[in-house]
Every structure is written in C-alpha cells, then in structure tokens.
Amino acid sequence: MDLYDKLDVLVKKAEELDALGDKFVKVDDEKNPVQAYCMEKALLEMADELEGISDTFTDEEREEIFNALDYDEYVEIQKLIDETR
C-alpha cells in the first residue's frame, strides 16, 4: 500500500470515529447504559485501528507528509503530537 492509500484509509477511519463520537456524546448513559458501553467499546476499537494504521507509516513517509505541510500546519500537528506524549 502506498502513502496515499494509507492516508486515504486513515482519513476514512478518522471520519468514522468522528461520526461515532458525535453519536456517543448524545447517548444518555444513565438511560441507555448498554448502548453507551457498546459505543464506548467501538470507539476504543476504532482508536486502536487508527493507531495500527499510523504504525504502518515508514519514517520516509512521515517525512514526506511533514514536508508537504506549510509551517502553520506543521506547528499545529506538532502540538497535537506533544499533547499525546
């Protein structure tokens, strides 16, 4: 799988995660504890999938991605990376 295929899969999975997260926020876990639990598990699984996809990027591919960013985008992504550490 080339870089653009990996990015495409990553973006699609991130969109799925975002959509499910939007639904999860609306669930009342006191009224629907089973639904909330299932959605939480699904979100965690999707996050694991995203992490797995990101682990497939080589150092060269990561460098290519960062080189394609402008400075402001690079700074913003670096902040996100630093926050997760």
PDB file of N, CA and C in Angstrom:
ATOM      1  N   MET A   1       0.856  -1.171   0.000  1.00  0.00           N
ATOM      2  CA  MET A   1       0.000   0.000   0.000  1.00  0.00           C
ATOM      3  C   MET A   1       0.903   1.236   0.000  1.00  0.00           C
ATOM      4  N   ASP A   2       0.632   2.166  -0.909  1.00  0.00           N
ATOM      5  CA  ASP A   2       1.469   3.360  -0.963  1.00  0.00           C
ATOM      6  C   ASP A   2       0.972   4.417   0.026  1.00  0.00           C
ATOM      7  N   LEU A   3       1.707   5.485   0.128  1.00  0.00           N
ATOM      8  CA  LEU A   3       1.427   6.543   1.102  1.00  0.00           C
ATOM      9  C   LEU A   3       0.011   7.083   0.965  1.00  0.00           C
ATOM     10  N   TYR A   4      -0.429   7.337  -0.253  1.00  0.00           N
ATOM     11  CA  TYR A   4      -1.739   7.948  -0.456  1.00  0.00           C
ATOM     12  C   TYR A   4      -2.877   6.981  -0.104  1.00  0.00           C
ATOM     13  N   ASP A   5      -2.665   5.708  -0.343  1.00  0.00           N
ATOM     14  CA  ASP A   5      -3.654   4.712   0.070  1.00  0.00           C
ATOM     15  C   ASP A   5      -3.760   4.665   1.596  1.00  0.00           C
ATOM     16  N   LYS A   6      -2.617   4.705   2.258  1.00  0.00           N
ATOM     17  CA  LYS A   6      -2.608   4.701   3.722  1.00  0.00           C
ATOM     18  C   LYS A   6      -3.302   5.938   4.274  1.00  0.00           C
ATOM     19  N   LEU A   7      -3.009   7.088   3.679  1.00  0.00           N
ATOM     20  CA  LEU A   7      -3.650   8.328   4.124  1.00  0.00           C
ATOM     21  C   LEU A   7      -5.155   8.280   3.906  1.00  0.00           C
ATOM     22  N   ASP A   8      -5.570   7.721   2.782  1.00  0.00           N
ATOM     23  CA  ASP A   8      -6.996   7.593   2.485  1.00  0.00           C
ATOM     24  C   ASP A   8      -7.691   6.721   3.529  1.00  0.00           C
ATOM     25  N   VAL A   9      -7.089   5.590   3.867  1.00  0.00           N
ATOM     26  CA  VAL A   9      -7.655   4.693   4.876  1.00  0.00           C
ATOM     27  C   VAL A   9      -7.697   5.399   6.230  1.00  0.00           C
ATOM     28  N   LEU A  10      -6.631   6.108   6.555  1.00  0.00           N
ATOM     29  CA  LEU A  10      -6.557   6.824   7.826  1.00  0.00           C
ATOM     30  C   LEU A  10      -7.651   7.882   7.935  1.00  0.00           C
ATOM     31  N   VAL A  11      -7.839   8.648   6.872  1.00  0.00           N
ATOM     32  CA  VAL A  11      -8.865   9.700   6.873  1.00  0.00           C
ATOM     33  C   VAL A  11     -10.263   9.093   6.986  1.00  0.00           C
ATOM     34  N   LYS A  12     -10.533   8.033   6.251  1.00  0.00           N
ATOM     35  CA  LYS A  12     -11.858   7.395   6.322  1.00  0.00           C
ATOM     36  C   LYS A  12     -12.134   6.855   7.712  1.00  0.00           C
ATOM     37  N   LYS A  13     -11.138   6.236   8.327  1.00  0.00           N
ATOM     38  CA  LYS A  13     -11.309   5.694   9.669  1.00  0.00           C
ATOM     39  C   LYS A  13     -11.500   6.830  10.679  1.00  0.00           C
ATOM     40  N   ALA A  14     -10.782   7.922  10.502  1.00  0.00           N
ATOM     41  CA  ALA A  14     -10.934   9.083  11.383  1.00  0.00           C
ATOM     42  C   ALA A  14     -12.332   9.685  11.248  1.00  0.00           C
ATOM     43  N   GLU A  15     -12.864   9.716  10.035  1.00  0.00           N
ATOM     44  CA  GLU A  15     -14.220  10.225   9.823  1.00  0.00           C
ATOM     45  C   GLU A  15     -15.246   9.318  10.503  1.00  0.00           C
ATOM     46  N   GLU A  16     -15.046   8.001  10.418  1.00  0.00           N
ATOM     47  CA  GLU A  16     -15.939   7.059  11.106  1.00  0.00           C
ATOM     48  C   GLU A  16     -15.881   7.276  12.607  1.00  0.00           C
ATOM     49  N   LEU A  17     -14.685   7.446  13.127  1.00  0.00           N
ATOM     50  CA  LEU A  17     -14.509   7.671  14.557  1.00  0.00           C
ATOM     51  C   LEU A  17     -15.200   8.954  14.981  1.00  0.00           C
ATOM     52  N   ASP A  18     -15.050   9.997  14.196  1.00  0.00           N
ATOM     53  CA  ASP A  18     -15.678  11.284  14.500  1.00  0.00           C
ATOM     54  C   ASP A  18     -17.203  11.172  14.491  1.00  0.00           C
ATOM     55  N   ALA A  19     -17.750  10.482  13.500  1.00  0.00           N
ATOM     56  CA  ALA A  19     -19.204  10.319  13.399  1.00  0.00           C
ATOM     57  C   ALA A  19     -19.739   9.519  14.586  1.00  0.00           C
ATOM     58  N   LEU A  20     -19.052   8.440  14.952  1.00  0.00           N
ATOM     59  CA  LEU A  20     -19.488   7.644  16.093  1.00  0.00           C
ATOM     60  C   LEU A  20     -19.344   8.435  17.388  1.00  0.00           C
ATOM     61  N   GLY A  21     -18.286   9.223  17.487  1.00  0.00           N
ATOM     62  CA  GLY A  21     -18.094  10.076  18.664  1.00  0.00           C
ATOM     63  C   GLY A  21     -19.221  11.080  18.819  1.00  0.00           C
ATOM     64  N   ASP A  22     -19.679  11.647  17.699  1.00  0.00           N
ATOM     65  CA  ASP A  22     -20.807  12.585  17.747  1.00  0.00           C
ATOM     66  C   ASP A  22     -22.065  11.902  18.269  1.00  0.00           C
ATOM     67  N   LYS A  23     -22.291  10.663  17.850  1.00  0.00           N
ATOM     68  CA  LYS A  23     -23.455   9.909  18.330  1.00  0.00           C
ATOM     69  C   LYS A  23     -23.298   9.549  19.809  1.00  0.00           C
ATOM     70  N   PHE A  24     -22.087   9.182  20.193  1.00  0.00           N
ATOM     71  CA  PHE A  24     -21.820   8.773  21.570  1.00  0.00           C
ATOM     72  C   PHE A  24     -22.104   9.906  22.556  1.00  0.00           C
ATOM     73  N   VAL A  25     -21.752  11.120  22.167  1.00  0.00           N
ATOM     74  CA  VAL A  25     -21.965  12.283  23.033  1.00  0.00           C
ATOM     75  C   VAL A  25     -23.450  12.474  23.334  1.00  0.00           C
ATOM     76  N   LYS A  26     -24.296  12.100  22.404  1.00  0.00           N
ATOM     77  CA  LYS A  26     -25.742  12.293  22.564  1.00  0.00           C
ATOM     78  C   LYS A  26     -26.413  11.195  23.377  1.00  0.00           C
ATOM     79  N   VAL A  27     -25.712  10.099  23.651  1.00  0.00           N
ATOM     80  CA  VAL A  27     -26.300   8.979  24.385  1.00  0.00           C
ATOM     81  C   VAL A  27     -26.313   9.288  25.875  1.00  0.00           C
ATOM     82  N   ASP A  28     -27.453   9.086  26.481  1.00  0.00           N
ATOM     83  CA  ASP A  28     -27.583   9.244  27.927  1.00  0.00           C
ATOM     84  C   ASP A  28     -27.219   7.907  28.558  1.00  0.00           C
ATOM     85  N   ASP A  29     -26.033   7.852  29.163  1.00  0.00           N
ATOM     86  CA  ASP A  29     -25.555   6.579  29.692  1.00  0.00           C
ATOM     87  C   ASP A  29     -26.348   6.083  30.895  1.00  0.00           C
ATOM     88  N   GLU A  30     -27.120   6.965  31.517  1.00  0.00           N
ATOM     89  CA  GLU A  30     -27.968   6.506  32.629  1.00  0.00           C
ATOM     90  C   GLU A  30     -29.237   5.831  32.095  1.00  0.00           C
ATOM     91  N   LYS A  31     -29.758   6.325  30.986  1.00  0.00           N
ATOM     92  CA  LYS A  31     -30.961   5.742  30.397  1.00  0.00           C
ATOM     93  C   LYS A  31     -30.628   4.562  29.483  1.00  0.00           C
ATOM     94  N   ASN A  32     -29.467   4.601  28.848  1.00  0.00           N
ATOM     95  CA  ASN A  32     -29.066   3.574  27.888  1.00  0.00           C
ATOM     96  C   ASN A  32     -27.646   3.084  28.190  1.00  0.00           C
ATOM     97  N   PRO A  33     -27.456   2.444  29.342  1.00  0.00           N
ATOM     98  CA  PRO A  33     -26.092   2.046  29.707  1.00  0.00           C
ATOM     99  C   PRO A  33     -25.476   1.018  28.757  1.00  0.00           C
ATOM    100  N   VAL A  34     -26.291   0.119  28.226  1.00  0.00           N
ATOM    101  CA  VAL A  34     -25.757  -0.893  27.318  1.00  0.00           C
ATOM    102  C   VAL A  34     -25.304  -0.242  26.013  1.00  0.00           C
ATOM    103  N   GLN A  35     -26.121   0.654  25.485  1.00  0.00           N
ATOM    104  CA  GLN A  35     -25.756   1.349  24.257  1.00  0.00           C
ATOM    105  C   GLN A  35     -24.489   2.179  24.470  1.00  0.00           C
ATOM    106  N   ALA A  36     -24.411   2.870  25.592  1.00  0.00           N
ATOM    107  CA  ALA A  36     -23.232   3.680  25.888  1.00  0.00           C
ATOM    108  C   ALA A  36     -21.989   2.798  25.993  1.00  0.00           C
ATOM    109  N   TYR A  37     -22.133   1.668  26.649  1.00  0.00           N
ATOM    110  CA  TYR A  37     -20.999   0.744  26.802  1.00  0.00           C
ATOM    111  C   TYR A  37     -20.537   0.223  25.449  1.00  0.00           C
ATOM    112  N   CYS A  38     -21.472  -0.185  24.629  1.00  0.00           N
ATOM    113  CA  CYS A  38     -21.130  -0.719  23.304  1.00  0.00           C
ATOM    114  C   CYS A  38     -20.466   0.338  22.426  1.00  0.00           C
ATOM    115  N   MET A  39     -20.988   1.542  22.482  1.00  0.00           N
ATOM    116  CA  MET A  39     -20.404   2.614  21.681  1.00  0.00           C
ATOM    117  C   MET A  39     -19.004   2.963  22.181  1.00  0.00           C
ATOM    118  N   GLU A  40     -18.832   2.944  23.490  1.00  0.00           N
ATOM    119  CA  GLU A  40     -17.514   3.223  24.056  1.00  0.00           C
ATOM    120  C   GLU A  40     -16.500   2.176  23.596  1.00  0.00           C
ATOM    121  N   LYS A  41     -16.916   0.907  23.626  1.00  0.00           N
ATOM    122  CA  LYS A  41     -16.035  -0.168  23.154  1.00  0.00           C
ATOM    123  C   LYS A  41     -15.699   0.018  21.675  1.00  0.00           C
ATOM    124  N   ALA A  42     -16.712   0.378  20.878  1.00  0.00           N
ATOM    125  CA  ALA A  42     -16.489   0.593  19.439  1.00  0.00           C
ATOM    126  C   ALA A  42     -15.526   1.755  19.206  1.00  0.00           C
ATOM    127  N   LEU A  43     -15.664   2.810  19.982  1.00  0.00           N
ATOM    128  CA  LEU A  43     -14.753   3.949  19.844  1.00  0.00           C
ATOM    129  C   LEU A  43     -13.321   3.553  20.192  1.00  0.00           C
ATOM    130  N   LEU A  44     -13.171   2.769  21.242  1.00  0.00           N
ATOM    131  CA  LEU A  44     -11.835   2.319  21.625  1.00  0.00           C
ATOM    132  C   LEU A  44     -11.223   1.417  20.559  1.00  0.00           C
ATOM    133  N   GLU A  45     -12.043   0.551  19.971  1.00  0.00           N
ATOM    134  CA  GLU A  45     -11.554  -0.317  18.899  1.00  0.00           C
ATOM    135  C   GLU A  45     -11.129   0.501  17.683  1.00  0.00           C
ATOM    136  N   MET A  46     -11.933   1.505  17.346  1.00  0.00           N
ATOM    137  CA  MET A  46     -11.590   2.351  16.202  1.00  0.00           C
ATOM    138  C   MET A  46     -10.310   3.129  16.472  1.00  0.00           C
ATOM    139  N   ALA A  47     -10.138   3.591  17.691  1.00  0.00           N
ATOM    140  CA  ALA A  47      -8.908   4.303  18.039  1.00  0.00           C
ATOM    141  C   ALA A  47      -7.705   3.374  17.901  1.00  0.00           C
ATOM    142  N   ASP A  48      -7.867   2.128  18.324  1.00  0.00           N
ATOM    143  CA  ASP A  48      -6.795   1.145  18.154  1.00  0.00           C
ATOM    144  C   ASP A  48      -6.494   0.912  16.676  1.00  0.00           C
ATOM    145  N   GLU A  49      -7.550   0.866  15.854  1.00  0.00           N
ATOM    146  CA  GLU A  49      -7.353   0.691  14.415  1.00  0.00           C
ATOM    147  C   GLU A  49      -6.591   1.872  13.823  1.00  0.00           C
ATOM    148  N   LEU A  50      -6.949   3.078  14.248  1.00  0.00           N
ATOM    149  CA  LEU A  50      -6.239   4.267  13.770  1.00  0.00           C
ATOM    150  C   LEU A  50      -4.766   4.209  14.159  1.00  0.00           C
ATOM    151  N   GLU A  51      -4.508   3.800  15.380  1.00  0.00           N
ATOM    152  CA  GLU A  51      -3.126   3.686  15.832  1.00  0.00           C
ATOM    153  C   GLU A  51      -2.380   2.632  15.009  1.00  0.00           C
ATOM    154  N   GLY A  52      -3.060   1.528  14.731  1.00  0.00           N
ATOM    155  CA  GLY A  52      -2.446   0.486  13.912  1.00  0.00           C
ATOM    156  C   GLY A  52      -2.116   0.977  12.514  1.00  0.00           C
ATOM    157  N   ILE A  53      -3.018   1.747  11.937  1.00  0.00           N
ATOM    158  CA  ILE A  53      -2.771   2.307  10.604  1.00  0.00           C
ATOM    159  C   ILE A  53      -1.581   3.265  10.654  1.00  0.00           C
ATOM    160  N   SER A  54      -1.556   4.113  11.671  1.00  0.00           N
ATOM    161  CA  SER A  54      -0.460   5.086  11.758  1.00  0.00           C
ATOM    162  C   SER A  54       0.881   4.398  11.973  1.00  0.00           C
ATOM    163  N   ASP A  55       0.868   3.240  12.602  1.00  0.00           N
ATOM    164  CA  ASP A  55       2.114   2.497  12.811  1.00  0.00           C
ATOM    165  C   ASP A  55       2.692   1.936  11.511  1.00  0.00           C
ATOM    166  N   THR A  56       1.879   1.875  10.456  1.00  0.00           N
ATOM    167  CA  THR A  56       2.367   1.333   9.182  1.00  0.00           C
ATOM    168  C   THR A  56       3.161   2.350   8.375  1.00  0.00           C
ATOM    169  N   PHE A  57       3.100   3.626   8.773  1.00  0.00           N
ATOM    170  CA  PHE A  57       3.847   4.657   8.048  1.00  0.00           C
ATOM    171  C   PHE A  57       5.334   4.520   8.342  1.00  0.00           C
ATOM    172  N   THR A  58       6.121   4.535   7.294  1.00  0.00           N
ATOM    173  CA  THR A  58       7.575   4.487   7.461  1.00  0.00           C
ATOM    174  C   THR A  58       8.083   5.877   7.823  1.00  0.00           C
ATOM    175  N   ASP A  59       9.313   5.945   8.280  1.00  0.00           N
ATOM    176  CA  ASP A  59       9.908   7.247   8.591  1.00  0.00           C
ATOM    177  C   ASP A  59       9.956   8.134   7.353  1.00  0.00           C
ATOM    178  N   GLU A  60      10.227   7.527   6.209  1.00  0.00           N
ATOM    179  CA  GLU A  60      10.283   8.295   4.960  1.00  0.00           C
ATOM    180  C   GLU A  60       8.906   8.864   4.605  1.00  0.00           C
ATOM    181  N   GLU A  61       7.858   8.059   4.830  1.00  0.00           N
ATOM    182  CA  GLU A  61       6.505   8.539   4.536  1.00  0.00           C
ATOM    183  C   GLU A  61       6.116   9.661   5.490  1.00  0.00           C
ATOM    184  N   ARG A  62       6.475   9.514   6.750  1.00  0.00           N
ATOM    185  CA  ARG A  62       6.192  10.583   7.715  1.00  0.00           C
ATOM    186  C   ARG A  62       6.909  11.877   7.319  1.00  0.00           C
ATOM    187  N   GLU A  63       8.143  11.744   6.902  1.00  0.00           N
ATOM    188  CA  GLU A  63       8.908  12.913   6.474  1.00  0.00           C
ATOM    189  C   GLU A  63       8.259  13.559   5.253  1.00  0.00           C
ATOM    190  N   GLU A  64       7.788  12.730   4.327  1.00  0.00           N
ATOM    191  CA  GLU A  64       7.112  13.254   3.133  1.00  0.00           C
ATOM    192  C   GLU A  64       5.845  14.019   3.515  1.00  0.00           C
ATOM    193  N   ILE A  65       5.119  13.500   4.481  1.00  0.00           N
ATOM    194  CA  ILE A  65       3.898  14.180   4.951  1.00  0.00           C
ATOM    195  C   ILE A  65       4.256  15.520   5.568  1.00  0.00           C
ATOM    196  N   PHE A  66       5.229  15.529   6.483  1.00  0.00           N
ATOM    197  CA  PHE A  66       5.613  16.781   7.136  1.00  0.00           C
ATOM    198  C   PHE A  66       6.168  17.798   6.144  1.00  0.00           C
ATOM    199  N   ASN A  67       6.897  17.333   5.135  1.00  0.00           N
ATOM    200  CA  ASN A  67       7.429  18.250   4.124  1.00  0.00           C
ATOM    201  C   ASN A  67       6.325  18.867   3.273  1.00  0.00           C
ATOM    202  N   ALA A  68       5.206  18.186   3.166  1.00  0.00           N
ATOM    203  CA  ALA A  68       4.088  18.695   2.366  1.00  0.00           C
ATOM    204  C   ALA A  68       3.280  19.754   3.115  1.00  0.00           C
ATOM    205  N   LEU A  69       3.469  19.849   4.417  1.00  0.00           N
ATOM    206  CA  LEU A  69       2.719  20.810   5.222  1.00  0.00           C
ATOM    207  C   LEU A  69       3.363  22.188   5.165  1.00  0.00           C
ATOM    208  N   ASP A  70       2.531  23.214   5.303  1.00  0.00           N
ATOM    209  CA  ASP A  70       3.129  24.526   5.465  1.00  0.00           C
ATOM    210  C   ASP A  70       3.480  24.694   6.949  1.00  0.00           C
ATOM    211  N   TYR A  71       4.156  25.747   7.292  1.00  0.00           N
ATOM    212  CA  TYR A  71       4.697  25.913   8.640  1.00  0.00           C
ATOM    213  C   TYR A  71       3.605  25.904   9.706  1.00  0.00           C
ATOM    214  N   ASP A  72       2.506  26.609   9.481  1.00  0.00           N
ATOM    215  CA  ASP A  72       1.425  26.675  10.470  1.00  0.00           C
ATOM    216  C   ASP A  72       0.811  25.297  10.702  1.00  0.00           C
ATOM    217  N   GLU A  73       0.623  24.538   9.629  1.00  0.00           N
ATOM    218  CA  GLU A  73       0.086  23.178   9.768  1.00  0.00           C
ATOM    219  C   GLU A  73       1.064  22.295  10.541  1.00  0.00           C
ATOM    220  N   TYR A  74       2.330  22.448  10.241  1.00  0.00           N
ATOM    221  CA  TYR A  74       3.353  21.668  10.929  1.00  0.00           C
ATOM    222  C   TYR A  74       3.341  21.969  12.434  1.00  0.00           C
ATOM    223  N   VAL A  75       3.282  23.237  12.787  1.00  0.00           N
ATOM    224  CA  VAL A  75       3.269  23.638  14.202  1.00  0.00           C
ATOM    225  C   VAL A  75       2.038  23.065  14.895  1.00  0.00           C
ATOM    226  N   GLU A  76       0.899  23.122  14.237  1.00  0.00           N
ATOM    227  CA  GLU A  76      -0.343  22.601  14.824  1.00  0.00           C
ATOM    228  C   GLU A  76      -0.257  21.087  15.056  1.00  0.00           C
ATOM    229  N   ILE A  77       0.253  20.372  14.085  1.00  0.00           N
ATOM    230  CA  ILE A  77       0.388  18.921  14.235  1.00  0.00           C
ATOM    231  C   ILE A  77       1.416  18.586  15.309  1.00  0.00           C
ATOM    232  N   GLN A  78       2.476  19.351  15.370  1.00  0.00           N
ATOM    233  CA  GLN A  78       3.494  19.097  16.404  1.00  0.00           C
ATOM    234  C   GLN A  78       2.901  19.300  17.792  1.00  0.00           C
ATOM    235  N   LYS A  79       2.016  20.289  17.957  1.00  0.00           N
ATOM    236  CA  LYS A  79       1.334  20.495  19.243  1.00  0.00           C
ATOM    237  C   LYS A  79       0.504  19.271  19.617  1.00  0.00           C
ATOM    238  N   LEU A  80      -0.230  18.731  18.635  1.00  0.00           N
ATOM    239  CA  LEU A  80      -1.043  17.543  18.890  1.00  0.00           C
ATOM    240  C   LEU A  80      -0.172  16.353  19.284  1.00  0.00           C
ATOM    241  N   ILE A  81       0.936  16.198  18.600  1.00  0.00           N
ATOM    242  CA  ILE A  81       1.844  15.101  18.923  1.00  0.00           C
ATOM    243  C   ILE A  81       2.385  15.261  20.333  1.00  0.00           C
ATOM    244  N   ASP A  82       2.779  16.474  20.677  1.00  0.00           N
ATOM    245  CA  ASP A  82       3.321  16.728  22.013  1.00  0.00           C
ATOM    246  C   ASP A  82       2.279  16.486  23.109  1.00  0.00           C
ATOM    247  N   GLU A  83       1.020  16.807  22.816  1.00  0.00           N
ATOM    248  CA  GLU A  83      -0.054  16.608  23.798  1.00  0.00           C
ATOM    249  C   GLU A  83      -0.313  15.136  24.076  1.00  0.00           C
ATOM    250  N   THR A  84      -0.066  14.282  23.096  1.00  0.00           N
ATOM    251  CA  THR A  84      -0.354  12.866  23.275  1.00  0.00           C
ATOM    252  C   THR A  84       0.787  12.125  23.972  1.00  0.00           C
ATOM    253  N   ARG A  85       1.871  12.790  24.173  1.00  0.00           N
ATOM    254  CA  ARG A  85       3.013  12.144  24.845  1.00  0.00           C
ATOM    255  C   ARG A  85       2.959  12.319  26.316  1.00  0.00           C
TER     256      ARG A  85
END
